[in-house]
Amino acid sequence: MRTRTPLRSLLLSVLTLALLPMFSSPAYAADPGIDWTIRASAADNIWNSVTYGAGLFVAVSGTGTGNRVMTSPDGITWTIRTSAADNGWLSVTYGGGLFVAVSFSGTGNRVMTSPDGINWTSRASAADNQWFSVTYGGGLFVAVSVTGTGNRVMTSPDGITWTIRASAADNQWVSVTYGGGLFVAVSSSGTGNRVMTSPDGITWTSRASAADNIWWSVTYGGGLFVAVSVTGTGNRVMTSPDGITWTSRTSAADNDWWSVTYGGGLFVAVSDTGTGNRVMTSPDGITWTIRASAADNWWFSVTYGGGLFVAVSFSGTGNRVMTSGTFIPDGGTSTDPSMWTSYRQSLPLPASGFCSDITAEQNTFAAYNTNVTGGWVKGWEPWVNKNLDVMGERIGGFACWRNLVNTGGNNWRTTSTP
C-alpha cells in the first residue's frame, strides 16, 4: 500500500530543496541570542564583566595573577592581558575611545583605563568604595558603589579624573546604564527606593522599583529600560519607558538573573542557576522565553557587539565564555529596525509582493551614513526567533533580503549574490 505524503510536508520539502543554496550560504547564520556555543576562555578566572568597543570584546576578572583581563576580536579566540593591578575588577565599559574598568578592592587605584583593551593604566578613584558598575553616556563615565556614606557615585569626563557625587540614597548600587538621555542605577537594597535616575550623572533622584527584589543588572534598548533580579517569585524582571515608572514582568524562570543586555532588537539575560535554562530572551522586555545556555556555568555578564552576544562565567573548566550569533567585522551592526543575519539585511515583503517597492527610508543603511539601494532578492526566511509551529517545524515567510559587502572601513555596498 502506497503511503500518501501530506501536502504540507511535500510543499516544505520542495521549498527546502529550492532554497537550500540560499540557506547554506555564509550569509545565513544561527539566530543571535537563541543558539549558544561554548568557547574557551583565556584562563579559568572569575570573569565578572564583559563589554564591546572599537571592534574588541574585553572581559575583566576578580581573580588571577597578572591575567585579570582578556580580549577577543571576534568573541571566539581570547587572549590574556595584564591588568593595571590585581584588584577585584567588577565592571568594564567602553566610551569616548576608552575602555574603563572599576574595582571593589585596591588602595587609591580602583579604576583602570585602556585605549585599546590591551595596555592598562591605573587611575585613582574618587574614593576607595566598592565600585560595582560603570557605564558611559552623554560624554560622561559614571560608576556606582555598594559602600560609602553620601558618596556612592563618581563621574569622569575622560575616565582619568574622577569626582565624587552623592547618590539618591546609600543603597547598594550594583548596576548603572545610560539611555534616552538618562542615567539609571538599580540596587540590591533599600525599601521602595531601589532605583535612582540622573539626567547628568551628578544630581540623582530616588525612584520606586516595581518590587524590592535584589536588582542586579539594568540595560537600555528599543526605548525601554529593563532590569533583572536574583530574587522574587514570578517578578524577576521590571521595565520602564522613562526610568521613573517601573512595571513588574514575569521572567521565563525564577533563576538568579545576574546580567541583561540589548542588541539586534533583542534583550538577553543570563543566570548562574537553572538546569538547561540559564538564558532568557525577549524582543520587547515584557515577554520572555527560556533558552539553553551552552553549558550550566555560572554566567555572570553578557554583552552585544557586531551581531554577536558574548557571555562570561564564574565557573567552568576551559569553557567560561559562550557566544550566540555571527560576528560582523568593522563593528558592522545596524541601528535601524532591519533584521540582521550576519552580513544579510532582511526586510518584510511589501504589501505589493515586490521587493522593488521597498521604501527609500528602508533602503538607507543608517549605521554607515551610506545610502544603498537595490540588490533585493525575494526569498523564504525562517523567523528570526526560530520558533516551532505546532507540528514542530520551522516557520517563516517571504521577505526581501540583500547582502552588504564591506569595501573598507565603514563603507558598504550591496549585492544580491550570496
Protein backbone atom coordinates (compact mmCIF):
# COMPACT_ATOMS: atom_id res chain seq x y z
CA MET A 1 0.00 0.00 0.00
CA ARG A 2 1.39 3.40 -1.02
CA THR A 3 1.80 5.93 1.78
CA ARG A 4 0.37 9.30 0.86
CA THR A 5 2.66 12.26 1.51
CA PRO A 6 0.78 15.11 3.22
CA LEU A 7 0.58 18.20 1.02
CA ARG A 8 2.14 20.35 3.75
CA SER A 9 5.21 18.10 4.04
CA LEU A 10 5.57 17.94 0.27
CA LEU A 11 5.50 21.71 -0.07
CA LEU A 12 8.03 22.09 2.72
CA SER A 13 10.31 19.54 1.03
CA VAL A 14 10.12 21.38 -2.28
CA LEU A 15 10.85 24.71 -0.59
CA THR A 16 13.77 23.20 1.29
CA LEU A 17 15.34 21.80 -1.87
CA ALA A 18 14.76 25.01 -3.81
CA LEU A 19 16.18 27.24 -1.13
CA LEU A 20 18.99 25.06 0.19
CA PRO A 21 21.69 27.05 -1.68
CA MET A 22 20.40 30.24 -0.05
CA PHE A 23 20.47 28.80 3.46
CA SER A 24 23.85 27.16 3.03
CA SER A 25 25.36 30.49 2.03
CA PRO A 26 27.63 32.24 4.55
CA ALA A 27 25.00 34.99 4.73
CA TYR A 28 22.73 32.81 6.88
CA ALA A 29 23.69 32.09 10.47
CA ALA A 30 22.30 30.87 13.76
CA ASP A 31 19.95 33.26 15.49
CA PRO A 32 21.65 35.67 17.91
CA GLY A 33 20.53 35.10 21.50
CA ILE A 34 18.87 31.76 20.74
CA ASP A 35 21.59 29.27 19.84
CA TRP A 36 24.70 29.33 22.05
CA THR A 37 28.18 27.89 21.55
CA ILE A 38 30.79 27.30 24.22
CA ARG A 39 34.18 29.00 23.81
CA ALA A 40 37.47 28.60 25.64
CA SER A 41 38.29 31.47 27.96
CA ALA A 42 41.90 32.61 28.09
CA ALA A 43 42.04 31.49 31.75
CA ASP A 44 39.66 29.95 34.29
CA ASN A 45 39.33 33.18 36.26
CA ILE A 46 36.15 34.56 37.80
CA TRP A 47 35.09 36.71 34.86
CA ASN A 48 32.81 39.39 36.24
CA SER A 49 32.10 41.63 33.27
CA VAL A 50 32.38 41.82 29.50
CA THR A 51 31.90 44.72 27.10
CA TYR A 52 32.41 45.58 23.44
CA GLY A 53 34.01 48.58 21.79
CA ALA A 54 36.23 49.55 18.87
CA GLY A 55 35.91 46.09 17.34
CA LEU A 56 37.05 44.31 20.50
CA PHE A 57 35.43 42.27 23.27
CA VAL A 58 37.03 42.90 26.67
CA ALA A 59 36.38 40.95 29.90
CA VAL A 60 37.66 41.65 33.41
CA SER A 61 38.12 39.36 36.39
CA GLY A 62 38.26 39.43 40.16
CA THR A 63 40.84 36.63 40.35
CA GLY A 64 44.12 35.67 38.76
CA THR A 65 47.72 36.84 38.92
CA GLY A 66 48.70 39.25 36.19
CA ASN A 67 45.92 37.96 33.95
CA ARG A 68 42.73 39.71 35.03
CA VAL A 69 41.84 40.97 31.56
CA MET A 70 41.16 39.01 28.39
CA THR A 71 40.32 40.29 24.93
CA SER A 72 38.92 38.91 21.71
CA PRO A 73 38.44 40.41 18.25
CA ASP A 74 35.59 38.01 17.46
CA GLY A 75 34.29 36.60 20.77
CA ILE A 76 35.80 33.21 19.94
CA THR A 77 39.56 33.43 20.38
CA TRP A 78 40.62 35.03 23.65
CA THR A 79 43.99 36.37 24.77
CA ILE A 80 45.14 37.16 28.30
CA ARG A 81 46.13 40.76 29.07
CA THR A 82 47.76 42.20 32.15
CA SER A 83 45.51 44.39 34.26
CA ALA A 84 46.96 47.56 35.74
CA ALA A 85 46.70 45.89 39.18
CA ASP A 86 45.42 42.59 40.56
CA ASN A 87 42.30 44.22 42.00
CA GLY A 88 38.82 42.76 42.12
CA TRP A 89 37.63 44.14 38.79
CA LEU A 90 33.85 44.00 38.67
CA SER A 91 32.77 46.05 35.67
CA VAL A 92 34.11 47.30 32.35
CA THR A 93 32.64 49.63 29.75
CA TYR A 94 33.66 51.47 26.60
CA GLY A 95 33.07 55.06 25.58
CA GLY A 96 34.81 58.05 24.06
CA GLY A 97 37.55 55.86 22.63
CA LEU A 98 38.46 54.39 26.03
CA PHE A 99 37.89 51.18 27.97
CA VAL A 100 37.28 51.84 31.69
CA ALA A 101 37.09 49.24 34.46
CA VAL A 102 36.22 49.66 38.15
CA SER A 103 37.06 47.54 41.18
CA PHE A 104 35.80 46.65 44.64
CA SER A 105 39.35 46.44 46.04
CA GLY A 106 42.67 48.28 45.91
CA THR A 107 44.15 51.35 47.55
CA GLY A 108 43.89 54.52 45.52
CA ASN A 109 43.76 52.55 42.26
CA ARG A 110 40.22 51.23 41.86
CA VAL A 111 39.95 52.42 38.26
CA MET A 112 41.98 51.38 35.24
CA THR A 113 41.77 52.58 31.65
CA SER A 114 42.94 51.42 28.25
CA PRO A 115 42.72 52.95 24.77
CA ASP A 116 42.96 49.52 23.13
CA GLY A 117 41.86 46.94 25.74
CA ILE A 118 45.41 45.60 25.84
CA ASN A 119 47.54 48.13 27.69
CA TRP A 120 46.04 49.25 31.01
CA THR A 121 46.86 52.14 33.35
CA SER A 122 45.84 52.55 36.99
CA ARG A 123 43.74 55.59 37.85
CA ALA A 124 42.72 56.97 41.23
CA SER A 125 39.04 56.54 42.04
CA ALA A 126 37.33 59.44 43.79
CA ALA A 127 37.07 57.22 46.89
CA ASP A 128 38.08 53.67 47.81
CA ASN A 129 34.48 52.44 47.74
CA GLN A 130 33.45 49.06 46.41
CA TRP A 131 32.70 50.14 42.85
CA PHE A 132 30.37 47.63 41.25
CA SER A 133 29.38 49.09 37.89
CA VAL A 134 30.46 51.66 35.33
CA THR A 135 28.79 52.97 32.18
CA TYR A 136 29.24 55.71 29.59
CA GLY A 137 26.74 58.13 28.16
CA GLY A 138 26.37 61.76 27.18
CA GLY A 139 30.14 62.23 27.20
CA LEU A 140 30.47 61.05 30.82
CA PHE A 141 31.65 57.93 32.64
CA VAL A 142 29.52 57.13 35.70
CA ALA A 143 30.32 54.49 38.33
CA VAL A 144 28.20 53.31 41.29
CA SER A 145 29.14 51.65 44.55
CA VAL A 146 27.73 49.40 47.29
CA THR A 147 29.65 51.17 50.06
CA GLY A 148 30.33 54.72 51.21
CA THR A 149 28.43 57.43 53.05
CA GLY A 150 26.89 60.02 50.75
CA ASN A 151 29.44 59.24 48.06
CA ARG A 152 28.26 56.17 46.18
CA VAL A 153 28.54 57.72 42.73
CA MET A 154 31.58 59.04 40.90
CA THR A 155 31.84 60.62 37.47
CA SER A 156 34.56 61.39 34.95
CA PRO A 157 34.56 63.12 31.57
CA ASP A 158 37.69 61.25 30.47
CA GLY A 159 37.94 58.11 32.64
CA ILE A 160 41.05 59.50 34.29
CA THR A 161 39.97 62.22 36.70
CA TRP A 162 37.05 61.24 38.92
CA THR A 163 34.72 63.30 41.11
CA ILE A 164 32.55 62.05 43.98
CA ARG A 165 28.79 62.57 43.69
CA ALA A 166 26.02 61.96 46.20
CA SER A 167 23.72 59.06 45.40
CA ALA A 168 19.99 59.48 46.00
CA ALA A 169 20.31 57.04 48.93
CA ASP A 170 23.09 54.97 50.47
CA ASN A 171 21.76 51.76 48.94
CA GLN A 172 23.90 49.02 47.48
CA TRP A 173 24.05 50.29 43.90
CA VAL A 174 25.17 47.36 41.76
CA SER A 175 24.38 48.40 38.18
CA VAL A 176 24.13 51.58 36.12
CA THR A 177 23.24 52.22 32.49
CA TYR A 178 22.51 55.11 30.15
CA GLY A 179 19.75 55.59 27.62
CA GLY A 180 17.33 58.17 26.32
CA GLY A 181 19.37 60.97 27.89
CA LEU A 182 19.13 59.43 31.37
CA PHE A 183 21.41 57.54 33.74
CA VAL A 184 19.58 54.80 35.65
CA ALA A 185 21.00 52.73 38.53
CA VAL A 186 19.47 49.78 40.38
CA SER A 187 20.15 48.48 43.87
CA SER A 188 20.16 45.23 45.82
CA SER A 189 18.96 47.03 48.97
CA GLY A 190 16.53 49.71 50.10
CA THR A 191 12.83 49.97 50.81
CA GLY A 192 10.76 51.32 47.94
CA ASN A 193 13.78 53.15 46.51
CA ARG A 194 15.87 50.60 44.65
CA VAL A 195 16.13 52.76 41.53
CA MET A 196 17.73 56.17 41.08
CA THR A 197 17.96 58.34 38.00
CA SER A 198 20.00 61.31 36.83
CA PRO A 199 19.94 63.42 33.68
CA ASP A 200 23.59 64.40 34.09
CA GLY A 201 25.21 61.79 36.37
CA ILE A 202 25.59 64.42 39.10
CA THR A 203 22.17 65.02 40.63
CA TRP A 204 20.29 61.81 41.49
CA THR A 205 16.65 61.18 42.39
CA SER A 206 15.19 58.10 44.11
CA ARG A 207 12.58 56.12 42.21
CA ALA A 208 10.34 53.27 43.34
CA SER A 209 11.24 49.90 41.87
CA ALA A 210 8.39 47.60 40.85
CA ALA A 211 9.34 45.34 43.79
CA ASP A 212 12.03 45.29 46.49
CA ASN A 213 13.90 42.48 44.79
CA ILE A 214 17.67 42.20 44.62
CA TRP A 215 18.04 44.01 41.31
CA TRP A 216 21.42 43.21 39.85
CA SER A 217 21.55 44.49 36.28
CA VAL A 218 19.90 47.17 34.17
CA THR A 219 20.17 47.98 30.47
CA TYR A 220 18.51 50.15 27.85
CA GLY A 221 17.35 49.31 24.36
CA GLY A 222 14.49 49.94 21.98
CA GLY A 223 13.27 52.86 24.06
CA LEU A 224 12.97 50.75 27.21
CA PHE A 225 14.89 50.29 30.46
CA VAL A 226 14.97 46.65 31.60
CA ALA A 227 16.27 45.36 34.94
CA VAL A 228 16.69 41.79 36.14
CA SER A 229 16.84 40.32 39.63
CA VAL A 230 18.25 37.37 41.58
CA THR A 231 15.20 37.20 43.88
CA GLY A 232 11.44 37.32 43.59
CA THR A 233 8.63 34.98 42.63
CA GLY A 234 7.35 35.48 39.11
CA ASN A 235 8.63 39.07 39.06
CA ARG A 236 12.35 38.96 38.39
CA VAL A 237 12.13 41.48 35.55
CA MET A 238 10.94 45.08 35.61
CA THR A 239 10.67 47.57 32.78
CA SER A 240 10.31 51.31 32.39
CA PRO A 241 9.91 53.57 29.35
CA ASP A 242 11.35 56.55 31.23
CA GLY A 243 13.39 55.15 34.14
CA ILE A 244 10.87 56.60 36.59
CA THR A 245 7.77 54.41 36.49
CA TRP A 246 8.51 50.68 36.69
CA THR A 247 6.34 47.65 35.98
CA SER A 248 6.92 44.05 37.11
CA ARG A 249 7.31 41.46 34.38
CA THR A 250 7.44 37.68 34.59
CA SER A 251 10.82 36.17 33.87
CA ALA A 252 10.92 32.95 31.87
CA ALA A 253 12.06 31.17 35.05
CA ASP A 254 12.84 32.22 38.63
CA ASN A 255 16.57 31.81 38.09
CA ASP A 256 19.19 34.14 39.54
CA TRP A 257 19.43 36.60 36.65
CA TRP A 258 22.74 38.42 37.01
CA SER A 259 23.05 40.34 33.77
CA VAL A 260 20.93 41.72 30.94
CA THR A 261 21.90 43.41 27.68
CA TYR A 262 20.29 44.56 24.45
CA GLY A 263 21.33 44.15 20.85
CA GLY A 264 19.96 43.33 17.44
CA GLY A 265 16.41 44.03 18.59
CA LEU A 266 16.63 41.52 21.45
CA PHE A 267 17.03 41.62 25.22
CA VAL A 268 19.17 38.76 26.57
CA ALA A 269 19.66 37.83 30.24
CA VAL A 270 21.98 35.21 31.76
CA SER A 271 21.89 33.29 35.04
CA ASP A 272 24.06 31.19 37.34
CA THR A 273 21.20 28.85 38.33
CA GLY A 274 18.86 26.53 36.49
CA THR A 275 19.30 23.33 34.53
CA GLY A 276 19.50 23.81 30.78
CA ASN A 277 17.75 27.18 31.04
CA ARG A 278 20.35 29.77 32.01
CA VAL A 279 19.50 32.20 29.21
CA MET A 280 16.25 34.03 28.51
CA THR A 281 15.40 36.39 25.67
CA SER A 282 12.73 38.94 24.89
CA PRO A 283 12.03 41.08 21.82
CA ASP A 284 10.20 43.69 23.92
CA GLY A 285 11.43 43.28 27.52
CA ILE A 286 7.97 42.09 28.54
CA THR A 287 7.51 38.55 27.23
CA TRP A 288 10.46 36.28 27.96
CA THR A 289 11.44 32.87 26.57
CA ILE A 290 13.85 30.37 28.09
CA ARG A 291 16.89 29.40 26.03
CA ALA A 292 19.50 26.71 26.63
CA SER A 293 22.92 28.00 27.58
CA ALA A 294 25.92 26.27 26.03
CA ALA A 295 26.76 24.89 29.50
CA ASP A 296 25.31 25.20 33.00
CA ASN A 297 28.08 27.51 34.16
CA TRP A 298 27.61 30.47 36.49
CA TRP A 299 27.01 33.04 33.76
CA PHE A 300 27.55 36.46 35.27
CA SER A 301 27.76 39.01 32.44
CA VAL A 302 26.55 39.34 28.86
CA THR A 303 27.16 41.96 26.17
CA TYR A 304 26.44 42.52 22.48
CA GLY A 305 28.62 43.74 19.66
CA GLY A 306 28.87 43.34 15.91
CA GLY A 307 25.93 40.93 15.66
CA LEU A 308 27.24 38.71 18.47
CA PHE A 309 26.14 38.11 22.06
CA VAL A 310 29.02 37.15 24.38
CA ALA A 311 28.61 35.89 27.96
CA VAL A 312 31.30 35.19 30.56
CA SER A 313 31.21 32.95 33.60
CA PHE A 314 32.32 32.43 37.20
CA SER A 315 32.73 28.68 36.73
CA GLY A 316 33.68 26.01 34.25
CA THR A 317 36.88 24.36 33.08
CA GLY A 318 38.20 25.85 29.86
CA ASN A 319 34.71 26.96 28.87
CA ARG A 320 33.95 30.23 30.64
CA VAL A 321 32.76 32.02 27.51
CA MET A 322 29.75 31.36 25.30
CA THR A 323 28.62 33.17 22.17
CA SER A 324 25.48 33.47 20.09
CA GLY A 325 25.19 34.93 16.60
CA THR A 326 27.77 35.71 13.94
CA PHE A 327 30.30 38.46 14.41
CA ILE A 328 30.30 41.22 11.80
CA PRO A 329 33.72 42.87 11.45
CA ASP A 330 34.28 46.62 11.48
CA GLY A 331 31.57 46.96 14.12
CA GLY A 332 29.05 46.36 11.33
CA THR A 333 25.72 46.36 13.09
CA SER A 334 22.72 48.45 12.14
CA THR A 335 20.66 50.63 14.44
CA ASP A 336 17.71 50.67 12.07
CA PRO A 337 14.81 48.21 12.54
CA SER A 338 16.08 45.81 9.88
CA MET A 339 16.50 42.18 10.82
CA TRP A 340 20.14 41.10 10.68
CA THR A 341 21.68 37.73 9.92
CA SER A 342 25.44 38.03 9.57
CA TYR A 343 26.07 40.23 6.52
CA ARG A 344 22.47 39.93 5.38
CA GLN A 345 19.86 42.64 5.79
CA SER A 346 16.27 41.41 5.60
CA LEU A 347 13.05 43.39 5.44
CA PRO A 348 9.38 42.39 5.36
CA LEU A 349 7.94 41.84 1.91
CA PRO A 350 5.97 44.96 0.85
CA ALA A 351 2.20 44.61 0.50
CA SER A 352 2.57 44.65 -3.28
CA GLY A 353 4.64 41.47 -3.13
CA PHE A 354 7.54 43.10 -4.99
CA CYS A 355 10.89 43.86 -3.38
CA SER A 356 11.30 46.76 -5.81
CA ASP A 357 8.65 48.58 -3.76
CA ILE A 358 10.80 48.79 -0.62
CA THR A 359 10.75 52.40 0.54
CA ALA A 360 13.65 54.79 0.26
CA GLU A 361 13.84 55.01 4.05
CA GLN A 362 14.30 51.25 4.33
CA ASN A 363 16.96 51.44 1.63
CA THR A 364 19.06 53.70 3.86
CA PHE A 365 21.74 51.84 5.77
CA ALA A 366 21.90 54.44 8.54
CA ALA A 367 24.63 52.82 10.61
CA TYR A 368 27.21 53.70 7.98
CA ASN A 369 25.84 57.01 6.78
CA THR A 370 25.62 55.46 3.34
CA ASN A 371 22.57 55.34 1.09
CA VAL A 372 22.39 51.97 -0.56
CA THR A 373 19.69 50.91 -2.97
CA GLY A 374 18.76 47.82 -4.91
CA GLY A 375 20.16 44.32 -4.68
CA TRP A 376 16.98 42.95 -3.10
CA VAL A 377 16.05 39.30 -3.58
CA LYS A 378 12.67 37.80 -2.66
CA GLY A 379 13.05 34.59 -0.70
CA TRP A 380 11.72 32.41 2.09
CA GLU A 381 13.18 33.21 5.51
CA PRO A 382 12.69 31.40 8.84
CA TRP A 383 11.58 33.81 11.55
CA VAL A 384 14.44 35.30 13.50
CA ASN A 385 13.46 33.58 16.79
CA LYS A 386 13.21 30.15 15.13
CA ASN A 387 10.01 29.31 16.97
CA LEU A 388 8.47 25.94 16.11
CA ASP A 389 4.90 25.61 14.94
CA VAL A 390 2.51 23.04 16.40
CA MET A 391 3.92 20.35 14.10
CA GLY A 392 7.45 21.01 15.29
CA GLU A 393 8.61 22.54 12.03
CA ARG A 394 10.40 25.82 11.45
CA ILE A 395 8.07 28.56 10.32
CA GLY A 396 8.72 31.70 8.35
CA GLY A 397 7.56 33.71 5.39
CA PHE A 398 8.68 35.53 2.29
CA ALA A 399 10.96 38.50 2.80
CA CYS A 400 13.29 40.70 0.82
CA TRP A 401 16.98 40.29 1.53
CA ARG A 402 20.31 41.54 0.30
CA ASN A 403 23.91 41.11 1.30
CA LEU A 404 26.07 44.00 2.46
CA VAL A 405 29.71 43.86 1.46
CA ASN A 406 32.38 45.85 3.26
CA THR A 407 34.60 47.84 0.92
CA GLY A 408 36.90 49.16 3.61
CA GLY A 409 36.39 50.99 6.90
CA ASN A 410 32.73 51.84 7.32
CA ASN A 411 31.91 51.89 3.62
CA TRP A 412 29.49 49.26 2.39
CA ARG A 413 27.86 48.32 -0.89
CA THR A 414 25.05 45.87 -1.62
CA THR A 415 24.95 42.69 -3.59
CA SER A 416 22.29 40.03 -4.09
CA THR A 417 24.92 37.36 -4.61
CA PRO A 418 25.36 35.13 -1.53
